[in-house]
Structures are given as C-alpha cells and as structure tokens.
Amino acid sequence: MGRDVHADAIVTSAKDSHVPLGDRAVAAVKSIVREYYDESMLSDVVYDENEGGLSTTPVGRGSDIKGKITVGKYFIEHIDAFARRVLQVGHELQHVQQQRDGMGGPRNKDKREFLAHSWGALEPE
C-alpha cells in the first residue's frame, strides 16, 4: 500500500535540501504528530545530530505531562521508510502516555520499553 497524500507532503518537505537538515527533522516530527497523533502530548521537538533516532523527555507532572522529542540525523535521512518513522514517533508518544499513567521513573524503564515496542509491533502500517 502506498503513502497517503499527507505522508507524501511530509516526505517531500523533509527532503527539501534548501532547508537545513535540523529544521527539516523538527518539522517532520511535528507534522507526523499533527497528522497521526494527539498534539496535546507534545511539548516540543528539538534536533540533535547525534541522537540515534528519537528520544523523549517528560515535561510537567501527572496527567499533564507532555513529551519533548529529540530527533536525530538518522531519522530525517531515512524518512522514505515513512511508516517506520510514524511508528517511531508513536512509540515515543506511548512513553508520554505511560508517564501520565504513573509509570515514570527508572524502576519502570524496562516495562515502558516493552509496552511501547509491543504497541508498535501490533499497530498497522
């Protein structure tokens, strides 16, 4: 199955070499969240070239926690694997929901990862 019109627009923008790589990476993640997920879970998106893919830092407390997503060079350079990129963003937002549900802290890290990976494995492309 091919990409939808929204996906094509995100990929096209992400490949615009007239725009700095970091700006394209941030815009791609924000566009994916806006198009496919709940924007209220997102605090910010920042670029760090050395980030291996995506990572999320919780911002706030309790049920109001949001996620600050850090996106790296690999993510934007491999935007053509778009369904995978969308699931990657969703994985990070799963962590935000887990934090909201009281599963924060180092003690629950393995459980959070397992649950987020399980979610990704069961989601349709």
N, C-alpha and C. Protein backbone atom coordinates (compact mmCIF):
# COMPACT_ATOMS: atom_id res chain seq x y z
N MET A 1 0.85 -1.18 0.00
CA MET A 1 0.00 0.00 0.00
C MET A 1 0.89 1.23 0.00
N GLY A 2 0.58 2.21 -0.82
CA GLY A 2 1.37 3.43 -0.92
C GLY A 2 1.07 4.42 0.20
N ARG A 3 1.84 5.47 0.20
CA ARG A 3 1.64 6.53 1.18
C ARG A 3 0.42 7.36 0.81
N ASP A 4 -0.22 7.96 1.81
CA ASP A 4 -1.32 8.86 1.53
C ASP A 4 -0.78 10.25 1.19
N VAL A 5 -1.67 11.14 0.81
CA VAL A 5 -1.27 12.47 0.37
C VAL A 5 -0.56 13.24 1.48
N HIS A 6 -0.97 13.03 2.73
CA HIS A 6 -0.33 13.71 3.86
C HIS A 6 1.10 13.20 4.04
N ALA A 7 1.27 11.90 3.93
CA ALA A 7 2.60 11.31 4.06
C ALA A 7 3.51 11.82 2.95
N ASP A 8 3.01 11.86 1.73
CA ASP A 8 3.81 12.35 0.61
C ASP A 8 4.26 13.79 0.85
N ALA A 9 3.37 14.62 1.37
CA ALA A 9 3.72 16.02 1.64
C ALA A 9 4.80 16.13 2.71
N ILE A 10 4.70 15.31 3.75
CA ILE A 10 5.69 15.34 4.83
C ILE A 10 7.05 14.89 4.29
N VAL A 11 7.06 13.81 3.52
CA VAL A 11 8.31 13.30 2.97
C VAL A 11 8.93 14.32 2.01
N THR A 12 8.13 14.91 1.16
CA THR A 12 8.64 15.91 0.22
C THR A 12 9.28 17.08 0.96
N SER A 13 8.62 17.59 1.98
CA SER A 13 9.18 18.70 2.78
C SER A 13 10.45 18.26 3.48
N ALA A 14 10.47 17.03 3.97
CA ALA A 14 11.63 16.53 4.70
C ALA A 14 12.86 16.39 3.81
N LYS A 15 12.65 16.30 2.51
CA LYS A 15 13.76 16.13 1.57
C LYS A 15 14.20 17.44 0.91
N ASP A 16 13.58 18.55 1.29
CA ASP A 16 13.90 19.84 0.68
C ASP A 16 15.28 20.31 1.14
N SER A 17 16.28 20.09 0.32
CA SER A 17 17.67 20.40 0.70
C SER A 17 17.94 21.90 0.81
N HIS A 18 16.98 22.74 0.45
CA HIS A 18 17.13 24.18 0.63
C HIS A 18 16.91 24.59 2.09
N VAL A 19 16.36 23.67 2.87
CA VAL A 19 16.09 23.90 4.29
C VAL A 19 17.11 23.11 5.10
N PRO A 20 17.70 23.73 6.15
CA PRO A 20 18.68 23.00 6.96
C PRO A 20 18.12 21.68 7.50
N LEU A 21 18.98 20.67 7.56
CA LEU A 21 18.61 19.32 7.98
C LEU A 21 17.87 19.32 9.33
N GLY A 22 18.39 20.03 10.30
CA GLY A 22 17.76 20.06 11.62
C GLY A 22 16.36 20.64 11.58
N ASP A 23 16.16 21.67 10.79
CA ASP A 23 14.83 22.27 10.66
C ASP A 23 13.86 21.30 10.00
N ARG A 24 14.36 20.56 8.99
CA ARG A 24 13.51 19.57 8.33
C ARG A 24 13.14 18.44 9.29
N ALA A 25 14.08 18.02 10.11
CA ALA A 25 13.83 16.93 11.06
C ALA A 25 12.75 17.33 12.07
N VAL A 26 12.89 18.53 12.62
CA VAL A 26 11.91 19.03 13.60
C VAL A 26 10.54 19.15 12.94
N ALA A 27 10.50 19.73 11.75
CA ALA A 27 9.23 19.91 11.04
C ALA A 27 8.58 18.57 10.72
N ALA A 28 9.38 17.57 10.34
CA ALA A 28 8.83 16.25 10.00
C ALA A 28 8.17 15.61 11.22
N VAL A 29 8.84 15.66 12.37
CA VAL A 29 8.25 15.06 13.57
C VAL A 29 6.98 15.80 13.96
N LYS A 30 7.02 17.13 13.94
CA LYS A 30 5.82 17.91 14.28
C LYS A 30 4.67 17.59 13.32
N SER A 31 4.98 17.46 12.04
CA SER A 31 3.94 17.14 11.05
C SER A 31 3.36 15.75 11.27
N ILE A 32 4.21 14.79 11.61
CA ILE A 32 3.73 13.44 11.89
C ILE A 32 2.81 13.44 13.10
N VAL A 33 3.20 14.14 14.15
CA VAL A 33 2.35 14.22 15.34
C VAL A 33 1.02 14.87 14.98
N ARG A 34 1.07 15.98 14.28
CA ARG A 34 -0.14 16.72 13.91
C ARG A 34 -1.08 15.85 13.06
N GLU A 35 -0.52 15.08 12.15
CA GLU A 35 -1.33 14.32 11.21
C GLU A 35 -1.85 13.00 11.79
N TYR A 36 -1.05 12.33 12.63
CA TYR A 36 -1.38 10.96 13.02
C TYR A 36 -1.60 10.74 14.51
N TYR A 37 -1.29 11.71 15.34
CA TYR A 37 -1.36 11.51 16.79
C TYR A 37 -2.00 12.70 17.48
N ASP A 38 -1.98 12.69 18.79
CA ASP A 38 -2.57 13.73 19.63
C ASP A 38 -1.52 14.80 19.95
N GLU A 39 -1.68 15.97 19.37
CA GLU A 39 -0.71 17.06 19.57
C GLU A 39 -0.60 17.51 21.02
N SER A 40 -1.61 17.26 21.81
CA SER A 40 -1.57 17.72 23.20
C SER A 40 -0.52 16.96 24.03
N MET A 41 0.01 15.89 23.47
CA MET A 41 1.02 15.11 24.18
C MET A 41 2.43 15.67 23.96
N LEU A 42 2.56 16.59 23.02
CA LEU A 42 3.87 17.10 22.62
C LEU A 42 4.15 18.46 23.23
N SER A 43 5.30 18.57 23.87
CA SER A 43 5.76 19.84 24.41
C SER A 43 6.60 20.58 23.37
N ASP A 44 7.56 19.87 22.79
CA ASP A 44 8.49 20.48 21.86
C ASP A 44 9.20 19.39 21.08
N VAL A 45 9.82 19.78 19.99
CA VAL A 45 10.69 18.88 19.21
C VAL A 45 11.99 19.64 18.99
N VAL A 46 13.11 18.99 19.30
CA VAL A 46 14.42 19.60 19.11
C VAL A 46 15.30 18.65 18.31
N TYR A 47 16.31 19.22 17.66
CA TYR A 47 17.22 18.43 16.83
C TYR A 47 18.56 18.28 17.54
N ASP A 48 19.07 17.06 17.52
CA ASP A 48 20.42 16.75 17.99
C ASP A 48 20.99 15.74 17.00
N GLU A 49 21.94 16.18 16.20
CA GLU A 49 22.50 15.35 15.15
C GLU A 49 22.93 13.98 15.65
N ASN A 50 23.39 13.91 16.89
CA ASN A 50 23.92 12.66 17.44
C ASN A 50 22.86 11.72 18.00
N GLU A 51 21.62 12.16 18.07
CA GLU A 51 20.54 11.28 18.54
C GLU A 51 20.39 10.16 17.52
N GLY A 52 20.35 8.93 18.01
CA GLY A 52 20.29 7.77 17.13
C GLY A 52 18.99 7.62 16.38
N GLY A 53 17.96 8.21 16.82
CA GLY A 53 16.65 8.12 16.17
C GLY A 53 15.76 9.16 16.78
N LEU A 54 15.04 8.75 17.83
CA LEU A 54 14.20 9.65 18.59
C LEU A 54 14.34 9.30 20.07
N SER A 55 14.18 10.29 20.91
CA SER A 55 14.08 10.05 22.35
C SER A 55 13.11 11.08 22.92
N THR A 56 12.58 10.78 24.08
CA THR A 56 11.59 11.66 24.69
C THR A 56 11.95 11.95 26.13
N THR A 57 11.81 13.21 26.50
CA THR A 57 12.00 13.66 27.87
C THR A 57 10.65 14.15 28.37
N PRO A 58 10.20 13.66 29.53
CA PRO A 58 8.92 14.14 30.05
C PRO A 58 9.04 15.60 30.53
N VAL A 59 7.99 16.37 30.27
CA VAL A 59 7.91 17.76 30.69
C VAL A 59 6.61 17.92 31.45
N GLY A 60 6.68 18.36 32.70
CA GLY A 60 5.49 18.54 33.51
C GLY A 60 5.32 17.42 34.52
N ARG A 61 4.10 17.34 35.06
CA ARG A 61 3.81 16.35 36.10
C ARG A 61 2.43 15.74 35.91
N GLY A 62 2.30 14.53 36.42
CA GLY A 62 1.00 13.86 36.45
C GLY A 62 0.34 13.71 35.10
N SER A 63 -0.97 13.89 35.09
CA SER A 63 -1.73 13.69 33.85
C SER A 63 -1.50 14.80 32.83
N ASP A 64 -0.77 15.85 33.22
CA ASP A 64 -0.48 16.95 32.30
C ASP A 64 0.89 16.80 31.62
N ILE A 65 1.60 15.71 31.90
CA ILE A 65 2.93 15.52 31.30
C ILE A 65 2.82 15.55 29.78
N LYS A 66 3.80 16.19 29.19
CA LYS A 66 3.95 16.20 27.73
C LYS A 66 5.34 15.67 27.43
N GLY A 67 5.63 15.44 26.18
CA GLY A 67 6.93 14.93 25.80
C GLY A 67 7.70 15.92 24.96
N LYS A 68 8.97 16.06 25.27
CA LYS A 68 9.90 16.82 24.44
C LYS A 68 10.67 15.78 23.64
N ILE A 69 10.44 15.73 22.34
CA ILE A 69 11.07 14.73 21.48
C ILE A 69 12.34 15.30 20.89
N THR A 70 13.41 14.53 21.00
CA THR A 70 14.68 14.86 20.36
C THR A 70 14.80 13.96 19.13
N VAL A 71 15.05 14.59 17.99
CA VAL A 71 15.17 13.86 16.73
C VAL A 71 16.59 14.01 16.20
N GLY A 72 17.11 12.95 15.62
CA GLY A 72 18.47 12.96 15.11
C GLY A 72 18.55 12.86 13.60
N LYS A 73 19.75 12.90 13.12
CA LYS A 73 20.05 12.88 11.68
C LYS A 73 19.53 11.61 11.00
N TYR A 74 19.67 10.47 11.66
CA TYR A 74 19.25 9.20 11.06
C TYR A 74 17.77 9.24 10.69
N PHE A 75 16.96 9.79 11.58
CA PHE A 75 15.51 9.83 11.36
C PHE A 75 15.18 10.54 10.04
N ILE A 76 15.74 11.71 9.84
CA ILE A 76 15.41 12.50 8.66
C ILE A 76 16.06 11.92 7.41
N GLU A 77 17.24 11.36 7.55
CA GLU A 77 17.91 10.77 6.39
C GLU A 77 17.24 9.48 5.91
N HIS A 78 16.40 8.91 6.75
CA HIS A 78 15.69 7.67 6.40
C HIS A 78 14.17 7.88 6.40
N ILE A 79 13.75 9.08 6.04
CA ILE A 79 12.33 9.43 6.04
C ILE A 79 11.53 8.63 5.02
N ASP A 80 12.20 8.07 3.99
CA ASP A 80 11.48 7.28 3.00
C ASP A 80 10.84 6.03 3.59
N ALA A 81 11.39 5.53 4.68
CA ALA A 81 10.75 4.42 5.40
C ALA A 81 9.68 5.05 6.30
N PHE A 82 8.72 5.68 5.65
CA PHE A 82 7.80 6.58 6.35
C PHE A 82 6.94 5.89 7.39
N ALA A 83 6.41 4.74 7.07
CA ALA A 83 5.57 4.03 8.06
C ALA A 83 6.38 3.75 9.32
N ARG A 84 7.63 3.39 9.15
CA ARG A 84 8.52 3.15 10.31
C ARG A 84 8.73 4.43 11.10
N ARG A 85 8.91 5.56 10.40
CA ARG A 85 9.10 6.84 11.09
C ARG A 85 7.85 7.21 11.89
N VAL A 86 6.68 6.98 11.30
CA VAL A 86 5.42 7.28 12.00
C VAL A 86 5.30 6.42 13.26
N LEU A 87 5.64 5.14 13.14
CA LEU A 87 5.57 4.26 14.31
C LEU A 87 6.61 4.66 15.36
N GLN A 88 7.76 5.14 14.91
CA GLN A 88 8.79 5.60 15.85
C GLN A 88 8.26 6.76 16.69
N VAL A 89 7.61 7.71 16.03
CA VAL A 89 7.04 8.85 16.75
C VAL A 89 5.97 8.35 17.71
N GLY A 90 5.13 7.44 17.24
CA GLY A 90 4.09 6.87 18.11
C GLY A 90 4.67 6.16 19.32
N HIS A 91 5.78 5.46 19.13
CA HIS A 91 6.48 4.79 20.23
C HIS A 91 6.84 5.81 21.31
N GLU A 92 7.39 6.93 20.88
CA GLU A 92 7.78 7.96 21.85
C GLU A 92 6.57 8.54 22.55
N LEU A 93 5.48 8.72 21.83
CA LEU A 93 4.27 9.24 22.47
C LEU A 93 3.65 8.21 23.41
N GLN A 94 3.89 6.93 23.16
CA GLN A 94 3.46 5.91 24.11
C GLN A 94 4.14 6.14 25.47
N HIS A 95 5.42 6.54 25.41
CA HIS A 95 6.13 6.83 26.65
C HIS A 95 5.51 8.01 27.40
N VAL A 96 5.03 8.99 26.68
CA VAL A 96 4.36 10.12 27.33
C VAL A 96 3.11 9.62 28.04
N GLN A 97 2.31 8.81 27.35
CA GLN A 97 1.10 8.28 27.98
C GLN A 97 1.44 7.42 29.19
N GLN A 98 2.51 6.65 29.10
CA GLN A 98 2.94 5.83 30.24
C GLN A 98 3.29 6.71 31.43
N GLN A 99 3.98 7.81 31.18
CA GLN A 99 4.31 8.74 32.25
C GLN A 99 3.03 9.30 32.86
N ARG A 100 2.08 9.67 32.02
CA ARG A 100 0.79 10.18 32.50
C ARG A 100 0.06 9.16 33.36
N ASP A 101 0.26 7.88 33.02
CA ASP A 101 -0.42 6.80 33.74
C ASP A 101 0.33 6.37 35.01
N GLY A 102 1.40 7.09 35.37
CA GLY A 102 2.12 6.79 36.61
C GLY A 102 3.24 5.78 36.48
N MET A 103 3.69 5.50 35.26
CA MET A 103 4.76 4.51 35.07
C MET A 103 6.13 5.16 34.91
N GLY A 104 6.31 6.33 35.45
CA GLY A 104 7.59 7.02 35.33
C GLY A 104 8.66 6.40 36.22
N GLY A 105 9.85 6.93 36.10
CA GLY A 105 10.94 6.51 36.96
C GLY A 105 11.75 5.37 36.40
N PRO A 106 12.98 5.24 36.91
CA PRO A 106 13.90 4.21 36.41
C PRO A 106 13.42 2.79 36.68
N ARG A 107 12.65 2.60 37.72
CA ARG A 107 12.17 1.26 38.06
C ARG A 107 11.27 0.67 36.96
N ASN A 108 10.57 1.53 36.22
CA ASN A 108 9.63 1.06 35.20
C ASN A 108 10.18 1.16 33.78
N LYS A 109 11.45 1.51 33.63
CA LYS A 109 12.01 1.73 32.29
C LYS A 109 11.85 0.52 31.37
N ASP A 110 12.22 -0.66 31.84
CA ASP A 110 12.12 -1.86 31.00
C ASP A 110 10.66 -2.15 30.63
N LYS A 111 9.77 -1.97 31.56
CA LYS A 111 8.35 -2.19 31.31
C LYS A 111 7.83 -1.20 30.27
N ARG A 112 8.23 0.08 30.40
CA ARG A 112 7.81 1.09 29.43
C ARG A 112 8.29 0.74 28.02
N GLU A 113 9.54 0.31 27.91
CA GLU A 113 10.09 -0.05 26.59
C GLU A 113 9.36 -1.26 26.01
N PHE A 114 9.15 -2.26 26.84
CA PHE A 114 8.44 -3.45 26.37
C PHE A 114 7.06 -3.09 25.84
N LEU A 115 6.32 -2.31 26.61
CA LEU A 115 4.96 -1.94 26.22
C LEU A 115 4.95 -1.07 24.96
N ALA A 116 5.89 -0.15 24.84
CA ALA A 116 5.95 0.70 23.66
C ALA A 116 6.32 -0.11 22.42
N HIS A 117 7.25 -1.04 22.56
CA HIS A 117 7.61 -1.90 21.43
C HIS A 117 6.45 -2.83 21.07
N SER A 118 5.74 -3.33 22.06
CA SER A 118 4.57 -4.17 21.79
C SER A 118 3.52 -3.38 21.03
N TRP A 119 3.28 -2.15 21.45
CA TRP A 119 2.32 -1.29 20.75
C TRP A 119 2.73 -1.16 19.27
N GLY A 120 4.00 -0.84 19.03
CA GLY A 120 4.48 -0.65 17.67
C GLY A 120 4.36 -1.90 16.81
N ALA A 121 4.60 -3.05 17.43
CA ALA A 121 4.51 -4.31 16.69
C ALA A 121 3.10 -4.65 16.27
N LEU A 122 2.14 -4.17 17.04
CA LEU A 122 0.73 -4.51 16.77
C LEU A 122 0.00 -3.45 15.95
N GLU A 123 0.60 -2.28 15.78
CA GLU A 123 -0.04 -1.21 15.00
C GLU A 123 0.06 -1.52 13.51
N PRO A 124 -1.01 -1.26 12.77
CA PRO A 124 -0.90 -1.42 11.31
C PRO A 124 -0.03 -0.31 10.74
N GLU A 125 0.65 -0.59 9.63
CA GLU A 125 1.48 0.42 8.99
C GLU A 125 0.62 1.54 8.48
